Amino acid sequence: MKILSSIFYLNLYNNYNNEKNFINVSQTKDIDYSKEVNKLNNSNNFFTRNDLNTENQKLQKLKEIDNKVKAHEEAHYITGSPYTSYPKYNYIKGPDGGYYAISGEVNIDTSPENNPKKTIKKMEKVIKAALAPSDPSSKDLQVAMKAKRELEKAKLELEKQKYSENSYKV
């Protein structure tokens, strides 16, 4: 399932600067394969070799990375909605002229709600969203840990409220 629309790709193409191979769509990265892509690159200019077999291998690797990145970010987005942002990706231009995601991010809202019950419900969903991909990144684990702390605070606050209510009844 592709989340990004053809309008996005059209804008991406129209804004592309031919002097650069990277198009920075986001500032920070959740999952990042740029180092792996750099291993494919033996010079300063990406895809300079005329060897068709090598180009096909590079293209296949870029498609594989693109699928991994998009699946990872879509898992966050779908699992965490409405507390997640739309995925953002960093792209590289392939030898076929197409653009392939090599890193991405989804912002997840970890702020507490206005009451403990709502916060508990939200943080449970946030934790699931952070851990949704089959290969959670270290950043994903940090988000899950932060949400877990907020969840524990909310549970403690709920217990305090229940204790206070019971104290007044006696």
N, C-alpha and C. Protein backbone atom coordinates (compact mmCIF):
# COMPACT_ATOMS: atom_id res chain seq x y z
N MET A 1 0.84 -1.18 0.00
CA MET A 1 0.00 0.00 0.00
C MET A 1 0.88 1.24 0.00
N LYS A 2 0.71 2.09 -0.96
CA LYS A 2 1.46 3.33 -1.03
C LYS A 2 0.64 4.43 -0.38
N ILE A 3 1.24 5.11 0.58
CA ILE A 3 0.53 6.19 1.26
C ILE A 3 0.70 7.50 0.49
N LEU A 4 1.86 7.69 -0.09
CA LEU A 4 2.14 8.95 -0.75
C LEU A 4 1.38 9.05 -2.06
N SER A 5 0.87 10.23 -2.35
CA SER A 5 0.06 10.42 -3.55
C SER A 5 0.94 10.79 -4.74
N SER A 6 0.36 10.67 -5.93
CA SER A 6 1.10 11.03 -7.14
C SER A 6 1.38 12.52 -7.18
N ILE A 7 0.53 13.34 -6.54
CA ILE A 7 0.79 14.78 -6.47
C ILE A 7 2.07 15.04 -5.71
N PHE A 8 2.28 14.30 -4.63
CA PHE A 8 3.51 14.45 -3.85
C PHE A 8 4.72 14.15 -4.72
N TYR A 9 4.65 13.05 -5.49
CA TYR A 9 5.76 12.67 -6.35
C TYR A 9 5.98 13.70 -7.45
N LEU A 10 4.90 14.28 -7.98
CA LEU A 10 5.02 15.30 -8.99
C LEU A 10 5.72 16.53 -8.42
N ASN A 11 5.31 16.96 -7.21
CA ASN A 11 5.97 18.09 -6.56
C ASN A 11 7.43 17.78 -6.28
N LEU A 12 7.69 16.56 -5.85
CA LEU A 12 9.05 16.14 -5.57
C LEU A 12 9.89 16.24 -6.83
N TYR A 13 9.36 15.79 -7.95
CA TYR A 13 10.07 15.85 -9.22
C TYR A 13 10.31 17.29 -9.63
N ASN A 14 9.29 18.12 -9.52
CA ASN A 14 9.40 19.52 -9.94
C ASN A 14 10.39 20.29 -9.10
N ASN A 15 10.54 19.93 -7.83
CA ASN A 15 11.45 20.64 -6.93
C ASN A 15 12.86 20.06 -6.93
N TYR A 16 13.08 19.01 -7.69
CA TYR A 16 14.37 18.32 -7.66
C TYR A 16 15.46 19.19 -8.26
N ASN A 17 16.58 19.24 -7.58
CA ASN A 17 17.75 19.96 -8.05
C ASN A 17 18.69 18.94 -8.69
N ASN A 18 18.94 19.06 -9.98
CA ASN A 18 19.73 18.07 -10.70
C ASN A 18 21.16 17.94 -10.20
N GLU A 19 21.65 18.92 -9.44
CA GLU A 19 23.02 18.86 -8.96
C GLU A 19 23.15 17.95 -7.74
N LYS A 20 22.07 17.59 -7.11
CA LYS A 20 22.12 16.78 -5.89
C LYS A 20 21.37 15.48 -6.10
N ASN A 21 21.82 14.44 -5.40
CA ASN A 21 21.13 13.16 -5.48
C ASN A 21 20.10 13.02 -4.37
N PHE A 22 20.28 13.72 -3.24
CA PHE A 22 19.37 13.59 -2.11
C PHE A 22 18.33 14.69 -2.14
N ILE A 23 17.12 14.31 -1.81
CA ILE A 23 16.04 15.27 -1.61
C ILE A 23 15.63 15.14 -0.16
N ASN A 24 15.90 16.15 0.63
CA ASN A 24 15.60 16.08 2.06
C ASN A 24 14.17 16.52 2.29
N VAL A 25 13.33 15.55 2.62
CA VAL A 25 11.93 15.82 2.90
C VAL A 25 11.75 16.04 4.40
N SER A 26 12.58 15.41 5.20
CA SER A 26 12.46 15.55 6.65
C SER A 26 13.82 15.87 7.26
N GLN A 27 13.81 16.39 8.46
CA GLN A 27 15.03 16.81 9.12
C GLN A 27 15.70 15.67 9.89
N THR A 28 14.92 14.86 10.57
CA THR A 28 15.48 13.77 11.36
C THR A 28 15.03 12.44 10.79
N LYS A 29 15.74 11.40 11.15
CA LYS A 29 15.44 10.10 10.57
C LYS A 29 15.14 9.08 11.64
N ASP A 30 14.11 8.29 11.39
CA ASP A 30 13.77 7.18 12.28
C ASP A 30 14.54 5.95 11.81
N ILE A 31 14.32 5.57 10.58
CA ILE A 31 15.03 4.44 10.00
C ILE A 31 15.83 4.98 8.83
N ASP A 32 17.11 4.65 8.77
CA ASP A 32 18.00 5.30 7.83
C ASP A 32 18.91 4.28 7.15
N TYR A 33 18.78 4.17 5.86
CA TYR A 33 19.61 3.27 5.08
C TYR A 33 20.63 4.03 4.25
N SER A 34 20.87 5.31 4.54
CA SER A 34 21.77 6.09 3.71
C SER A 34 23.19 5.52 3.73
N LYS A 35 23.63 4.95 4.85
CA LYS A 35 24.96 4.34 4.88
C LYS A 35 25.04 3.15 3.95
N GLU A 36 23.97 2.37 3.93
CA GLU A 36 23.93 1.21 3.03
C GLU A 36 23.93 1.67 1.58
N VAL A 37 23.20 2.75 1.28
CA VAL A 37 23.18 3.29 -0.07
C VAL A 37 24.57 3.80 -0.44
N ASN A 38 25.26 4.45 0.51
CA ASN A 38 26.60 4.95 0.24
C ASN A 38 27.58 3.82 -0.09
N LYS A 39 27.35 2.62 0.45
CA LYS A 39 28.20 1.48 0.10
C LYS A 39 28.05 1.13 -1.37
N LEU A 40 26.86 1.39 -1.93
CA LEU A 40 26.65 1.13 -3.35
C LEU A 40 27.41 2.13 -4.22
N ASN A 41 27.73 3.26 -3.64
CA ASN A 41 28.33 4.36 -4.37
C ASN A 41 29.85 4.31 -4.22
N ASN A 42 30.55 4.13 -5.30
CA ASN A 42 32.02 4.07 -5.24
C ASN A 42 32.69 5.38 -5.57
N SER A 43 31.92 6.42 -5.90
CA SER A 43 32.49 7.72 -6.22
C SER A 43 31.60 8.81 -5.65
N ASN A 44 31.95 10.07 -5.92
CA ASN A 44 31.15 11.20 -5.44
C ASN A 44 29.82 11.31 -6.18
N ASN A 45 29.75 10.79 -7.39
CA ASN A 45 28.53 10.87 -8.19
C ASN A 45 27.84 9.52 -8.19
N PHE A 46 26.62 9.45 -7.69
CA PHE A 46 25.88 8.20 -7.58
C PHE A 46 25.60 7.64 -8.96
N PHE A 47 25.81 6.35 -9.15
CA PHE A 47 25.52 5.64 -10.38
C PHE A 47 26.30 6.19 -11.57
N THR A 48 27.61 6.17 -11.49
CA THR A 48 28.42 6.65 -12.60
C THR A 48 28.84 5.53 -13.53
N ARG A 49 28.82 4.29 -13.08
CA ARG A 49 29.29 3.18 -13.91
C ARG A 49 28.27 2.83 -14.98
N ASN A 50 28.75 2.43 -16.13
CA ASN A 50 27.88 2.06 -17.24
C ASN A 50 27.52 0.59 -17.23
N ASP A 51 28.06 -0.15 -16.30
CA ASP A 51 27.81 -1.58 -16.23
C ASP A 51 26.34 -1.82 -15.92
N LEU A 52 25.60 -2.36 -16.90
CA LEU A 52 24.17 -2.57 -16.77
C LEU A 52 23.84 -3.50 -15.62
N ASN A 53 24.62 -4.57 -15.45
CA ASN A 53 24.39 -5.52 -14.37
C ASN A 53 24.52 -4.83 -13.01
N THR A 54 25.55 -4.00 -12.86
CA THR A 54 25.76 -3.28 -11.61
C THR A 54 24.61 -2.30 -11.37
N GLU A 55 24.17 -1.61 -12.42
CA GLU A 55 23.04 -0.69 -12.27
C GLU A 55 21.78 -1.43 -11.86
N ASN A 56 21.55 -2.58 -12.46
CA ASN A 56 20.37 -3.38 -12.10
C ASN A 56 20.45 -3.85 -10.64
N GLN A 57 21.64 -4.22 -10.19
CA GLN A 57 21.82 -4.63 -8.80
C GLN A 57 21.57 -3.44 -7.86
N LYS A 58 22.09 -2.27 -8.23
CA LYS A 58 21.87 -1.08 -7.40
C LYS A 58 20.39 -0.71 -7.37
N LEU A 59 19.73 -0.80 -8.52
CA LEU A 59 18.31 -0.48 -8.59
C LEU A 59 17.51 -1.45 -7.74
N GLN A 60 17.83 -2.73 -7.82
CA GLN A 60 17.14 -3.73 -7.01
C GLN A 60 17.33 -3.45 -5.52
N LYS A 61 18.55 -3.09 -5.13
CA LYS A 61 18.83 -2.78 -3.72
C LYS A 61 18.05 -1.54 -3.28
N LEU A 62 18.00 -0.51 -4.14
CA LEU A 62 17.24 0.70 -3.81
C LEU A 62 15.76 0.38 -3.64
N LYS A 63 15.21 -0.46 -4.49
CA LYS A 63 13.80 -0.84 -4.37
C LYS A 63 13.56 -1.59 -3.06
N GLU A 64 14.48 -2.46 -2.70
CA GLU A 64 14.37 -3.21 -1.45
C GLU A 64 14.40 -2.26 -0.25
N ILE A 65 15.32 -1.32 -0.26
CA ILE A 65 15.43 -0.33 0.83
C ILE A 65 14.17 0.52 0.89
N ASP A 66 13.69 0.99 -0.26
CA ASP A 66 12.49 1.80 -0.35
C ASP A 66 11.30 1.07 0.29
N ASN A 67 11.15 -0.21 -0.04
CA ASN A 67 10.05 -1.00 0.53
C ASN A 67 10.19 -1.14 2.04
N LYS A 68 11.40 -1.38 2.54
CA LYS A 68 11.63 -1.52 3.98
C LYS A 68 11.30 -0.23 4.72
N VAL A 69 11.80 0.88 4.20
CA VAL A 69 11.58 2.19 4.85
C VAL A 69 10.09 2.51 4.89
N LYS A 70 9.41 2.35 3.77
CA LYS A 70 7.99 2.69 3.72
C LYS A 70 7.15 1.76 4.59
N ALA A 71 7.48 0.48 4.61
CA ALA A 71 6.74 -0.46 5.47
C ALA A 71 6.94 -0.10 6.95
N HIS A 72 8.16 0.28 7.31
CA HIS A 72 8.48 0.64 8.69
C HIS A 72 7.65 1.86 9.12
N GLU A 73 7.70 2.92 8.32
CA GLU A 73 7.01 4.16 8.69
C GLU A 73 5.49 4.00 8.62
N GLU A 74 5.00 3.24 7.65
CA GLU A 74 3.56 3.01 7.55
C GLU A 74 3.05 2.22 8.75
N ALA A 75 3.86 1.32 9.28
CA ALA A 75 3.46 0.57 10.47
C ALA A 75 3.23 1.52 11.65
N HIS A 76 4.13 2.49 11.83
CA HIS A 76 3.94 3.51 12.87
C HIS A 76 2.65 4.28 12.62
N TYR A 77 2.52 4.79 11.40
CA TYR A 77 1.41 5.68 11.04
C TYR A 77 0.06 5.00 11.23
N ILE A 78 -0.08 3.82 10.70
CA ILE A 78 -1.36 3.11 10.75
C ILE A 78 -1.70 2.69 12.18
N THR A 79 -0.74 2.16 12.91
CA THR A 79 -0.99 1.67 14.26
C THR A 79 -1.26 2.81 15.24
N GLY A 80 -0.61 3.94 15.04
CA GLY A 80 -0.70 5.03 16.01
C GLY A 80 -1.73 6.10 15.74
N SER A 81 -2.41 6.02 14.61
CA SER A 81 -3.39 7.05 14.29
C SER A 81 -4.46 7.12 15.38
N PRO A 82 -4.83 8.25 15.86
CA PRO A 82 -4.65 9.62 15.40
C PRO A 82 -3.47 10.35 16.04
N TYR A 83 -2.59 9.64 16.71
CA TYR A 83 -1.49 10.28 17.44
C TYR A 83 -0.20 10.33 16.64
N THR A 84 -0.25 9.96 15.36
CA THR A 84 0.93 9.96 14.52
C THR A 84 0.76 10.92 13.35
N SER A 85 1.88 11.45 12.89
CA SER A 85 1.87 12.31 11.71
C SER A 85 2.00 11.46 10.46
N TYR A 86 1.73 12.08 9.36
CA TYR A 86 1.91 11.44 8.06
C TYR A 86 3.41 11.15 7.87
N PRO A 87 3.79 10.02 7.30
CA PRO A 87 5.22 9.71 7.12
C PRO A 87 5.93 10.73 6.22
N LYS A 88 7.19 11.00 6.56
CA LYS A 88 8.06 11.86 5.76
C LYS A 88 9.27 11.02 5.37
N TYR A 89 9.72 11.19 4.14
CA TYR A 89 10.82 10.37 3.64
C TYR A 89 11.94 11.22 3.05
N ASN A 90 13.16 10.67 3.08
CA ASN A 90 14.29 11.21 2.35
C ASN A 90 14.50 10.31 1.14
N TYR A 91 14.63 10.92 -0.03
CA TYR A 91 14.72 10.16 -1.27
C TYR A 91 16.09 10.32 -1.94
N ILE A 92 16.40 9.35 -2.77
CA ILE A 92 17.57 9.42 -3.62
C ILE A 92 17.12 9.04 -5.02
N LYS A 93 17.76 9.65 -6.00
CA LYS A 93 17.41 9.37 -7.40
C LYS A 93 18.16 8.12 -7.85
N GLY A 94 17.44 7.17 -8.41
CA GLY A 94 18.03 5.93 -8.89
C GLY A 94 18.50 6.03 -10.32
N PRO A 95 19.16 4.99 -10.82
CA PRO A 95 19.70 5.01 -12.19
C PRO A 95 18.60 5.05 -13.26
N ASP A 96 17.37 4.69 -12.87
CA ASP A 96 16.25 4.72 -13.80
C ASP A 96 15.52 6.07 -13.78
N GLY A 97 16.00 7.00 -12.95
CA GLY A 97 15.36 8.31 -12.84
C GLY A 97 14.27 8.35 -11.79
N GLY A 98 13.95 7.21 -11.19
CA GLY A 98 12.93 7.16 -10.14
C GLY A 98 13.50 7.57 -8.80
N TYR A 99 12.63 7.87 -7.87
CA TYR A 99 13.05 8.27 -6.52
C TYR A 99 12.74 7.16 -5.53
N TYR A 100 13.70 6.89 -4.64
CA TYR A 100 13.59 5.79 -3.70
C TYR A 100 13.87 6.29 -2.29
N ALA A 101 12.95 5.94 -1.37
CA ALA A 101 13.09 6.34 0.03
C ALA A 101 14.27 5.58 0.64
N ILE A 102 15.14 6.33 1.33
CA ILE A 102 16.26 5.68 2.02
C ILE A 102 16.20 5.93 3.53
N SER A 103 15.31 6.82 3.96
CA SER A 103 15.08 7.04 5.38
C SER A 103 13.73 7.71 5.54
N GLY A 104 13.22 7.69 6.77
CA GLY A 104 11.92 8.30 7.00
C GLY A 104 11.64 8.54 8.46
N GLU A 105 10.51 9.19 8.71
CA GLU A 105 10.09 9.45 10.08
C GLU A 105 8.59 9.62 10.14
N VAL A 106 8.06 9.32 11.32
CA VAL A 106 6.67 9.59 11.67
C VAL A 106 6.73 10.19 13.08
N ASN A 107 6.15 11.36 13.24
CA ASN A 107 6.09 11.95 14.57
C ASN A 107 4.96 11.30 15.36
N ILE A 108 5.24 11.00 16.63
CA ILE A 108 4.24 10.39 17.50
C ILE A 108 4.04 11.31 18.70
N ASP A 109 2.80 11.67 18.96
CA ASP A 109 2.46 12.56 20.07
C ASP A 109 2.50 11.77 21.38
N THR A 110 3.44 12.11 22.26
CA THR A 110 3.58 11.42 23.55
C THR A 110 3.14 12.30 24.71
N SER A 111 2.47 13.40 24.41
CA SER A 111 2.04 14.29 25.50
C SER A 111 0.85 13.67 26.24
N PRO A 112 0.80 13.87 27.57
CA PRO A 112 -0.32 13.32 28.34
C PRO A 112 -1.63 14.06 28.01
N GLU A 113 -2.73 13.37 28.21
CA GLU A 113 -4.06 13.96 28.00
C GLU A 113 -4.47 14.70 29.28
N ASN A 114 -5.70 15.24 29.28
CA ASN A 114 -6.16 16.05 30.42
C ASN A 114 -6.66 15.23 31.60
N ASN A 115 -6.77 13.90 31.47
CA ASN A 115 -7.11 13.08 32.63
C ASN A 115 -6.40 11.72 32.51
N PRO A 116 -6.18 11.06 33.63
CA PRO A 116 -5.40 9.82 33.63
C PRO A 116 -5.96 8.70 32.76
N LYS A 117 -7.29 8.54 32.75
CA LYS A 117 -7.88 7.46 31.93
C LYS A 117 -7.58 7.66 30.45
N LYS A 118 -7.72 8.90 29.98
CA LYS A 118 -7.43 9.20 28.58
C LYS A 118 -5.93 9.04 28.29
N THR A 119 -5.12 9.43 29.24
CA THR A 119 -3.66 9.30 29.06
C THR A 119 -3.27 7.83 28.97
N ILE A 120 -3.85 7.00 29.80
CA ILE A 120 -3.56 5.56 29.78
C ILE A 120 -3.93 4.98 28.41
N LYS A 121 -5.10 5.29 27.95
CA LYS A 121 -5.55 4.79 26.65
C LYS A 121 -4.62 5.27 25.52
N LYS A 122 -4.27 6.55 25.56
CA LYS A 122 -3.40 7.12 24.53
C LYS A 122 -2.01 6.48 24.56
N MET A 123 -1.42 6.37 25.75
CA MET A 123 -0.06 5.85 25.86
C MET A 123 0.03 4.37 25.45
N GLU A 124 -1.01 3.62 25.71
CA GLU A 124 -1.03 2.23 25.25
C GLU A 124 -0.96 2.17 23.72
N LYS A 125 -1.69 3.07 23.07
CA LYS A 125 -1.67 3.12 21.61
C LYS A 125 -0.32 3.65 21.10
N VAL A 126 0.25 4.62 21.78
CA VAL A 126 1.55 5.18 21.40
C VAL A 126 2.63 4.11 21.49
N ILE A 127 2.61 3.33 22.54
CA ILE A 127 3.59 2.25 22.71
C ILE A 127 3.45 1.25 21.56
N LYS A 128 2.23 0.87 21.24
CA LYS A 128 2.01 -0.05 20.11
C LYS A 128 2.52 0.55 18.81
N ALA A 129 2.28 1.84 18.61
CA ALA A 129 2.74 2.50 17.38
C ALA A 129 4.27 2.53 17.30
N ALA A 130 4.91 2.85 18.41
CA ALA A 130 6.37 2.92 18.43
C ALA A 130 7.01 1.57 18.15
N LEU A 131 6.36 0.51 18.61
CA LEU A 131 6.92 -0.84 18.46
C LEU A 131 6.29 -1.61 17.29
N ALA A 132 5.47 -0.96 16.47
CA ALA A 132 4.75 -1.63 15.39
C ALA A 132 5.65 -2.24 14.31
N PRO A 133 6.71 -1.58 13.89
CA PRO A 133 7.54 -2.19 12.84
C PRO A 133 8.21 -3.48 13.33
N SER A 134 8.49 -4.36 12.39
CA SER A 134 9.15 -5.61 12.76
C SER A 134 10.58 -5.38 13.21
N ASP A 135 11.14 -4.23 12.88
CA ASP A 135 12.51 -3.89 13.25
C ASP A 135 12.57 -2.49 13.89
N PRO A 136 12.05 -2.34 15.12
CA PRO A 136 12.04 -1.00 15.73
C PRO A 136 13.46 -0.43 15.87
N SER A 137 13.59 0.84 15.56
CA SER A 137 14.89 1.52 15.68
C SER A 137 15.11 1.93 17.13
N SER A 138 16.31 2.42 17.42
CA SER A 138 16.59 2.89 18.78
C SER A 138 15.70 4.08 19.13
N LYS A 139 15.41 4.91 18.14
CA LYS A 139 14.50 6.04 18.36
C LYS A 139 13.09 5.54 18.69
N ASP A 140 12.66 4.48 18.02
CA ASP A 140 11.35 3.88 18.30
C ASP A 140 11.29 3.39 19.74
N LEU A 141 12.36 2.75 20.17
CA LEU A 141 12.42 2.23 21.55
C LEU A 141 12.39 3.36 22.57
N GLN A 142 13.05 4.48 22.24
CA GLN A 142 13.03 5.64 23.14
C GLN A 142 11.62 6.20 23.27
N VAL A 143 10.91 6.29 22.16
CA VAL A 143 9.52 6.79 22.19
C VAL A 143 8.65 5.85 23.03
N ALA A 144 8.83 4.56 22.84
CA ALA A 144 8.05 3.58 23.61
C ALA A 144 8.35 3.71 25.10
N MET A 145 9.62 3.91 25.45
CA MET A 145 9.98 4.06 26.87
C MET A 145 9.39 5.33 27.46
N LYS A 146 9.41 6.42 26.70
CA LYS A 146 8.82 7.67 27.18
C LYS A 146 7.32 7.49 27.40
N ALA A 147 6.65 6.84 26.47
CA ALA A 147 5.21 6.59 26.60
C ALA A 147 4.93 5.68 27.80
N LYS A 148 5.80 4.72 28.02
CA LYS A 148 5.64 3.81 29.17
C LYS A 148 5.73 4.59 30.48
N ARG A 149 6.67 5.54 30.55
CA ARG A 149 6.78 6.39 31.76
C ARG A 149 5.51 7.21 31.97
N GLU A 150 4.99 7.79 30.88
CA GLU A 150 3.75 8.57 30.97
C GLU A 150 2.58 7.67 31.37
N LEU A 151 2.58 6.47 30.87
CA LEU A 151 1.54 5.49 31.22
C LEU A 151 1.58 5.18 32.71
N GLU A 152 2.77 4.94 33.23
CA GLU A 152 2.92 4.65 34.66
C GLU A 152 2.51 5.83 35.52
N LYS A 153 2.87 7.04 35.10
CA LYS A 153 2.45 8.24 35.84
C LYS A 153 0.93 8.34 35.87
N ALA A 154 0.30 8.09 34.75
CA ALA A 154 -1.16 8.18 34.66
C ALA A 154 -1.83 7.12 35.54
N LYS A 155 -1.27 5.92 35.55
CA LYS A 155 -1.83 4.85 36.41
C LYS A 155 -1.71 5.24 37.88
N LEU A 156 -0.57 5.81 38.24
CA LEU A 156 -0.37 6.25 39.62
C LEU A 156 -1.36 7.36 39.98
N GLU A 157 -1.55 8.30 39.08
CA GLU A 157 -2.49 9.40 39.30
C GLU A 157 -3.92 8.86 39.44
N LEU A 158 -4.27 7.89 38.64
CA LEU A 158 -5.60 7.28 38.72
C LEU A 158 -5.80 6.59 40.06
N GLU A 159 -4.77 5.90 40.51
CA GLU A 159 -4.83 5.24 41.83
C GLU A 159 -4.99 6.28 42.95
N LYS A 160 -4.28 7.38 42.84
CA LYS A 160 -4.40 8.46 43.84
C LYS A 160 -5.83 8.99 43.87
N GLN A 161 -6.40 9.18 42.67
CA GLN A 161 -7.77 9.68 42.60
C GLN A 161 -8.75 8.69 43.23
N LYS A 162 -8.58 7.42 42.95
CA LYS A 162 -9.45 6.40 43.54
C LYS A 162 -9.31 6.37 45.06
N TYR A 163 -8.08 6.51 45.54
CA TYR A 163 -7.83 6.52 46.98
C TYR A 163 -8.49 7.72 47.63
N SER A 164 -8.36 8.89 46.96
CA SER A 164 -8.98 10.12 47.49
C SER A 164 -10.50 9.99 47.53
N GLU A 165 -11.09 9.41 46.52
CA GLU A 165 -12.54 9.23 46.48
C GLU A 165 -12.98 8.28 47.59
N ASN A 166 -12.23 7.23 47.82
CA ASN A 166 -12.58 6.28 48.88
C ASN A 166 -12.39 6.90 50.26
N SER A 167 -11.42 7.78 50.41
CA SER A 167 -11.18 8.44 51.69
C SER A 167 -12.36 9.32 52.10
N TYR A 168 -12.96 9.99 51.12
CA TYR A 168 -14.09 10.85 51.41
C TYR A 168 -15.35 10.08 51.77
N LYS A 169 -15.45 8.85 51.30
CA LYS A 169 -16.65 8.05 51.57
C LYS A 169 -16.66 7.50 52.99
N VAL A 170 -15.54 7.40 53.65
CA VAL A 170 -15.46 6.83 54.97
C VAL A 170 -15.90 7.78 56.03
